[in-house]
PDB file of N, CA and C in Angstrom:
ATOM      1  N   MET A   1      90.217 119.663 -42.828  1.00  0.00           N
ATOM      2  CA  MET A   1      91.049 120.417 -43.718  1.00  0.00           C
ATOM      3  C   MET A   1      91.236 119.673 -45.039  1.00  0.00           C
ATOM      4  N   MET A   2      91.437 118.339 -44.957  1.00  0.00           N
ATOM      5  CA  MET A   2      91.643 117.576 -46.185  1.00  0.00           C
ATOM      6  C   MET A   2      90.409 117.625 -47.084  1.00  0.00           C
ATOM      7  N   ARG A   3      89.224 117.612 -46.508  1.00  0.00           N
ATOM      8  CA  ARG A   3      88.011 117.681 -47.331  1.00  0.00           C
ATOM      9  C   ARG A   3      87.943 119.000 -48.098  1.00  0.00           C
ATOM     10  N   ALA A   4      88.386 120.085 -47.460  1.00  0.00           N
ATOM     11  CA  ALA A   4      88.407 121.386 -48.134  1.00  0.00           C
ATOM     12  C   ALA A   4      89.400 121.371 -49.291  1.00  0.00           C
ATOM     13  N   ILE A   5      90.551 120.763 -49.084  1.00  0.00           N
ATOM     14  CA  ILE A   5      91.562 120.679 -50.145  1.00  0.00           C
ATOM     15  C   ILE A   5      91.041 119.828 -51.294  1.00  0.00           C
ATOM     16  N   TRP A   6      90.420 118.679 -50.973  1.00  0.00           N
ATOM     17  CA  TRP A   6      89.893 117.824 -52.036  1.00  0.00           C
ATOM     18  C   TRP A   6      88.765 118.512 -52.793  1.00  0.00           C
ATOM     19  N   GLY A   7      88.016 119.379 -52.115  1.00  0.00           N
ATOM     20  CA  GLY A   7      86.948 120.108 -52.792  1.00  0.00           C
ATOM     21  C   GLY A   7      87.474 121.100 -53.808  1.00  0.00           C
ATOM     22  N   VAL A   8      88.671 121.637 -53.574  1.00  0.00           N
ATOM     23  CA  VAL A   8      89.252 122.636 -54.467  1.00  0.00           C
ATOM     24  C   VAL A   8      90.065 121.985 -55.579  1.00  0.00           C
ATOM     25  N   THR A   9      90.690 120.868 -55.306  1.00  0.00           N
ATOM     26  CA  THR A   9      91.544 120.208 -56.296  1.00  0.00           C
ATOM     27  C   THR A   9      90.794 119.084 -57.001  1.00  0.00           C
ATOM     28  N   ALA A  10      91.428 118.511 -57.974  1.00  0.00           N
ATOM     29  CA  ALA A  10      90.819 117.408 -58.715  1.00  0.00           C
ATOM     30  C   ALA A  10      91.074 116.060 -58.037  1.00  0.00           C
ATOM     31  N   HIS A  11      91.890 116.039 -56.986  1.00  0.00           N
ATOM     32  CA  HIS A  11      92.210 114.787 -56.294  1.00  0.00           C
ATOM     33  C   HIS A  11      91.066 114.376 -55.384  1.00  0.00           C
ATOM     34  N   GLN A  12      90.760 113.120 -55.403  1.00  0.00           N
ATOM     35  CA  GLN A  12      89.728 112.568 -54.539  1.00  0.00           C
ATOM     36  C   GLN A  12      90.355 111.535 -53.617  1.00  0.00           C
ATOM     37  N   PRO A  13      89.856 111.424 -52.392  1.00  0.00           N
ATOM     38  CA  PRO A  13      90.421 110.423 -51.483  1.00  0.00           C
ATOM     39  C   PRO A  13      90.130 109.018 -51.971  1.00  0.00           C
ATOM     40  N   ARG A  14      91.060 108.112 -51.698  1.00  0.00           N
ATOM     41  CA  ARG A  14      90.883 106.720 -52.083  1.00  0.00           C
ATOM     42  C   ARG A  14      90.732 105.864 -50.844  1.00  0.00           C
ATOM     43  N   ARG A  15      89.956 104.823 -50.959  1.00  0.00           N
ATOM     44  CA  ARG A  15      89.825 103.823 -49.900  1.00  0.00           C
ATOM     45  C   ARG A  15      90.838 102.737 -50.192  1.00  0.00           C
ATOM     46  N   ARG A  16      91.688 102.470 -49.218  1.00  0.00           N
ATOM     47  CA  ARG A  16      92.763 101.487 -49.391  1.00  0.00           C
ATOM     48  C   ARG A  16      92.540 100.301 -48.453  1.00  0.00           C
ATOM     49  N   ALA A  17      92.684  99.121 -48.997  1.00  0.00           N
ATOM     50  CA  ALA A  17      92.528  97.903 -48.207  1.00  0.00           C
ATOM     51  C   ALA A  17      93.725  97.735 -47.280  1.00  0.00           C
ATOM     52  N   ILE A  18      93.453  97.255 -46.075  1.00  0.00           N
ATOM     53  CA  ILE A  18      94.491  96.970 -45.096  1.00  0.00           C
ATOM     54  C   ILE A  18      94.621  95.451 -45.003  1.00  0.00           C
ATOM     55  N   THR A  19      95.815  94.943 -45.207  1.00  0.00           N
ATOM     56  CA  THR A  19      96.027  93.486 -45.236  1.00  0.00           C
ATOM     57  C   THR A  19      96.311  92.961 -43.842  1.00  0.00           C
ATOM     58  N   GLN A  20      95.295  93.047 -43.027  1.00  0.00           N
ATOM     59  CA  GLN A  20      95.371  92.577 -41.641  1.00  0.00           C
ATOM     60  C   GLN A  20      93.960  92.171 -41.229  1.00  0.00           C
ATOM     61  N   PRO A  21      93.816  91.109 -40.462  1.00  0.00           N
ATOM     62  CA  PRO A  21      92.469  90.751 -40.006  1.00  0.00           C
ATOM     63  C   PRO A  21      91.946  91.757 -38.981  1.00  0.00           C
ATOM     64  N   CYS A  22      90.657  91.931 -38.965  1.00  0.00           N
ATOM     65  CA  CYS A  22      90.007  92.832 -38.023  1.00  0.00           C
ATOM     66  C   CYS A  22      90.231  92.324 -36.593  1.00  0.00           C
ATOM     67  N   PRO A  23      90.664  93.188 -35.674  1.00  0.00           N
ATOM     68  CA  PRO A  23      90.862  92.750 -34.289  1.00  0.00           C
ATOM     69  C   PRO A  23      89.576  92.291 -33.601  1.00  0.00           C
ATOM     70  N   ARG A  24      88.432  92.740 -34.091  1.00  0.00           N
ATOM     71  CA  ARG A  24      87.174  92.368 -33.457  1.00  0.00           C
ATOM     72  C   ARG A  24      86.570  91.095 -34.042  1.00  0.00           C
ATOM     73  N   CYS A  25      86.467  91.005 -35.382  1.00  0.00           N
ATOM     74  CA  CYS A  25      85.746  89.882 -35.990  1.00  0.00           C
ATOM     75  C   CYS A  25      86.630  88.956 -36.833  1.00  0.00           C
ATOM     76  N   ASP A  26      87.918  89.247 -36.970  1.00  0.00           N
ATOM     77  CA  ASP A  26      88.894  88.450 -37.733  1.00  0.00           C
ATOM     78  C   ASP A  26      88.636  88.385 -39.234  1.00  0.00           C
ATOM     79  N   SER A  27      87.746  89.210 -39.767  1.00  0.00           N
ATOM     80  CA  SER A  27      87.538  89.221 -41.220  1.00  0.00           C
ATOM     81  C   SER A  27      88.629  90.064 -41.880  1.00  0.00           C
ATOM     82  N   LEU A  28      88.836  89.847 -43.158  1.00  0.00           N
ATOM     83  CA  LEU A  28      89.820  90.626 -43.911  1.00  0.00           C
ATOM     84  C   LEU A  28      89.121  91.755 -44.658  1.00  0.00           C
ATOM     85  N   ALA A  29      88.398  92.592 -43.927  1.00  0.00           N
ATOM     86  CA  ALA A  29      87.598  93.654 -44.533  1.00  0.00           C
ATOM     87  C   ALA A  29      87.998  95.038 -44.026  1.00  0.00           C
ATOM     88  N   LEU A  30      89.244  95.199 -43.575  1.00  0.00           N
ATOM     89  CA  LEU A  30      89.704  96.497 -43.088  1.00  0.00           C
ATOM     90  C   LEU A  30      90.078  97.404 -44.252  1.00  0.00           C
ATOM     91  N   SER A  31      89.736  98.688 -44.122  1.00  0.00           N
ATOM     92  CA  SER A  31      90.133  99.668 -45.133  1.00  0.00           C
ATOM     93  C   SER A  31      90.237 101.041 -44.483  1.00  0.00           C
ATOM     94  N   ARG A  32      91.026 101.902 -45.115  1.00  0.00           N
ATOM     95  CA  ARG A  32      91.216 103.268 -44.626  1.00  0.00           C
ATOM     96  C   ARG A  32      91.058 104.229 -45.791  1.00  0.00           C
ATOM     97  N   VAL A  33      90.373 105.334 -45.550  1.00  0.00           N
ATOM     98  CA  VAL A  33      90.217 106.388 -46.547  1.00  0.00           C
ATOM     99  C   VAL A  33      91.361 107.373 -46.354  1.00  0.00           C
ATOM    100  N   ASP A  34      91.978 107.813 -47.451  1.00  0.00           N
ATOM    101  CA  ASP A  34      93.069 108.786 -47.384  1.00  0.00           C
ATOM    102  C   ASP A  34      92.665 109.973 -46.518  1.00  0.00           C
ATOM    103  N   GLY A  35      93.535 110.340 -45.580  1.00  0.00           N
ATOM    104  CA  GLY A  35      93.297 111.495 -44.739  1.00  0.00           C
ATOM    105  C   GLY A  35      92.496 111.224 -43.477  1.00  0.00           C
ATOM    106  N   GLU A  36      91.924 110.053 -43.345  1.00  0.00           N
ATOM    107  CA  GLU A  36      91.140 109.701 -42.159  1.00  0.00           C
ATOM    108  C   GLU A  36      92.065 109.154 -41.074  1.00  0.00           C
ATOM    109  N   ALA A  37      91.695 109.366 -39.827  1.00  0.00           N
ATOM    110  CA  ALA A  37      92.523 108.920 -38.709  1.00  0.00           C
ATOM    111  C   ALA A  37      92.253 107.471 -38.330  1.00  0.00           C
ATOM    112  N   TYR A  38      91.100 106.948 -38.698  1.00  0.00           N
ATOM    113  CA  TYR A  38      90.712 105.607 -38.264  1.00  0.00           C
ATOM    114  C   TYR A  38      90.567 104.654 -39.439  1.00  0.00           C
ATOM    115  N   THR A  39      90.797 103.386 -39.158  1.00  0.00           N
ATOM    116  CA  THR A  39      90.606 102.308 -40.117  1.00  0.00           C
ATOM    117  C   THR A  39      89.305 101.617 -39.759  1.00  0.00           C
ATOM    118  N   GLY A  40      88.474 101.334 -40.752  1.00  0.00           N
ATOM    119  CA  GLY A  40      87.180 100.716 -40.492  1.00  0.00           C
ATOM    120  C   GLY A  40      87.088  99.305 -41.033  1.00  0.00           C
ATOM    121  N   CYS A  41      86.221  98.518 -40.384  1.00  0.00           N
ATOM    122  CA  CYS A  41      85.956  97.154 -40.831  1.00  0.00           C
ATOM    123  C   CYS A  41      84.632  97.147 -41.592  1.00  0.00           C
ATOM    124  N   GLY A  42      84.642  96.555 -42.769  1.00  0.00           N
ATOM    125  CA  GLY A  42      83.435  96.474 -43.580  1.00  0.00           C
ATOM    126  C   GLY A  42      82.447  95.423 -43.094  1.00  0.00           C
ATOM    127  N   GLU A  43      82.893  94.511 -42.240  1.00  0.00           N
ATOM    128  CA  GLU A  43      82.008  93.458 -41.722  1.00  0.00           C
ATOM    129  C   GLU A  43      81.297  93.876 -40.444  1.00  0.00           C
ATOM    130  N   CYS A  44      82.056  94.312 -39.441  1.00  0.00           N
ATOM    131  CA  CYS A  44      81.451  94.613 -38.135  1.00  0.00           C
ATOM    132  C   CYS A  44      81.324  96.108 -37.866  1.00  0.00           C
ATOM    133  N   ASP A  45      81.743  96.958 -38.807  1.00  0.00           N
ATOM    134  CA  ASP A  45      81.644  98.426 -38.718  1.00  0.00           C
ATOM    135  C   ASP A  45      82.435  99.031 -37.567  1.00  0.00           C
ATOM    136  N   ALA A  46      83.425  98.328 -37.046  1.00  0.00           N
ATOM    137  CA  ALA A  46      84.268  98.863 -35.975  1.00  0.00           C
ATOM    138  C   ALA A  46      85.306  99.814 -36.562  1.00  0.00           C
ATOM    139  N   LEU A  47      85.736 100.785 -35.768  1.00  0.00           N
ATOM    140  CA  LEU A  47      86.783 101.722 -36.155  1.00  0.00           C
ATOM    141  C   LEU A  47      87.984 101.527 -35.239  1.00  0.00           C
ATOM    142  N   PHE A  48      89.199 101.598 -35.813  1.00  0.00           N
ATOM    143  CA  PHE A  48      90.419 101.360 -35.057  1.00  0.00           C
ATOM    144  C   PHE A  48      91.447 102.430 -35.362  1.00  0.00           C
ATOM    145  N   SER A  49      92.156 102.876 -34.333  1.00  0.00           N
ATOM    146  CA  SER A  49      93.292 103.778 -34.519  1.00  0.00           C
ATOM    147  C   SER A  49      94.503 102.944 -34.932  1.00  0.00           C
ATOM    148  N   ALA A  50      95.587 103.604 -35.283  1.00  0.00           N
ATOM    149  CA  ALA A  50      96.809 102.890 -35.667  1.00  0.00           C
ATOM    150  C   ALA A  50      97.350 102.073 -34.493  1.00  0.00           C
ATOM    151  N   ALA A  51      97.278 102.613 -33.281  1.00  0.00           N
ATOM    152  CA  ALA A  51      97.763 101.888 -32.105  1.00  0.00           C
ATOM    153  C   ALA A  51      96.911 100.648 -31.840  1.00  0.00           C
ATOM    154  N   GLU A  52      95.598 100.773 -31.989  1.00  0.00           N
ATOM    155  CA  GLU A  52      94.719  99.622 -31.788  1.00  0.00           C
ATOM    156  C   GLU A  52      94.978  98.530 -32.816  1.00  0.00           C
ATOM    157  N   LEU A  53      95.259  98.923 -34.053  1.00  0.00           N
ATOM    158  CA  LEU A  53      95.583  97.935 -35.082  1.00  0.00           C
ATOM    159  C   LEU A  53      96.902  97.232 -34.782  1.00  0.00           C
ATOM    160  N   ALA A  54      97.876  97.965 -34.250  1.00  0.00           N
ATOM    161  CA  ALA A  54      99.151  97.348 -33.898  1.00  0.00           C
ATOM    162  C   ALA A  54      98.962  96.318 -32.784  1.00  0.00           C
ATOM    163  N   ILE A  55      98.147  96.643 -31.795  1.00  0.00           N
ATOM    164  CA  ILE A  55      97.859  95.702 -30.711  1.00  0.00           C
ATOM    165  C   ILE A  55      97.112  94.487 -31.265  1.00  0.00           C
ATOM    166  N   GLY A  56      96.150  94.729 -32.151  1.00  0.00           N
ATOM    167  CA  GLY A  56      95.400  93.633 -32.767  1.00  0.00           C
ATOM    168  C   GLY A  56      96.291  92.730 -33.597  1.00  0.00           C
ATOM    169  N   ALA A  57      97.249  93.304 -34.316  1.00  0.00           N
ATOM    170  CA  ALA A  57      98.178  92.505 -35.121  1.00  0.00           C
ATOM    171  C   ALA A  57      99.056  91.635 -34.227  1.00  0.00           C
ATOM    172  N   ALA A  58      99.534  92.197 -33.117  1.00  0.00           N
ATOM    173  CA  ALA A  58     100.361  91.419 -32.193  1.00  0.00           C
ATOM    174  C   ALA A  58      99.547  90.281 -31.578  1.00  0.00           C
ATOM    175  N   ALA A  59      98.312  90.549 -31.222  1.00  0.00           N
ATOM    176  CA  ALA A  59      97.454  89.510 -30.640  1.00  0.00           C
ATOM    177  C   ALA A  59      97.177  88.407 -31.662  1.00  0.00           C
ATOM    178  N   HIS A  60      96.987  88.785 -32.929  1.00  0.00           N
ATOM    179  CA  HIS A  60      96.752  87.789 -33.978  1.00  0.00           C
ATOM    180  C   HIS A  60      97.975  86.887 -34.158  1.00  0.00           C
ATOM    181  N   LEU A  61      99.177  87.479 -34.118  1.00  0.00           N
ATOM    182  CA  LEU A  61     100.400  86.676 -34.238  1.00  0.00           C
ATOM    183  C   LEU A  61     100.536  85.688 -33.084  1.00  0.00           C
ATOM    184  N   VAL A  62     100.175  86.118 -31.894  1.00  0.00           N
ATOM    185  CA  VAL A  62     100.263  85.233 -30.740  1.00  0.00           C
ATOM    186  C   VAL A  62      99.271  84.085 -30.881  1.00  0.00           C
ATOM    187  N   ARG A  63      98.039  84.389 -31.329  1.00  0.00           N
ATOM    188  CA  ARG A  63      97.026  83.348 -31.501  1.00  0.00           C
ATOM    189  C   ARG A  63      97.417  82.331 -32.566  1.00  0.00           C
ATOM    190  N   THR A  64      97.980  82.801 -33.674  1.00  0.00           N
ATOM    191  CA  THR A  64      98.319  81.888 -34.768  1.00  0.00           C
ATOM    192  C   THR A  64      99.614  81.124 -34.511  1.00  0.00           C
ATOM    193  N   ALA A  65     100.497  81.649 -33.679  1.00  0.00           N
ATOM    194  CA  ALA A  65     101.758  80.986 -33.395  1.00  0.00           C
ATOM    195  C   ALA A  65     101.597  79.859 -32.381  1.00  0.00           C
ATOM    196  N   ALA A  66     100.538  79.935 -31.595  1.00  0.00           N
ATOM    197  CA  ALA A  66     100.347  78.915 -30.543  1.00  0.00           C
ATOM    198  C   ALA A  66      99.804  77.623 -31.070  1.00  0.00           C
TER     199      ALA A  66
END
């Protein structure tokens, strides 16, 4: 639906950087396109839902705190 709206309007989706390390490869290459359900990693090409990113963030905090 969002693609149809963007096709009719002058607004284009933007890719936004996510300031969190990738749960799979630990690189800082996560980004999300407006209107997309998943966040992608530019290094390992993995896709993550919001819940998966939350779990990955918690795991990263545990690893760095130890």
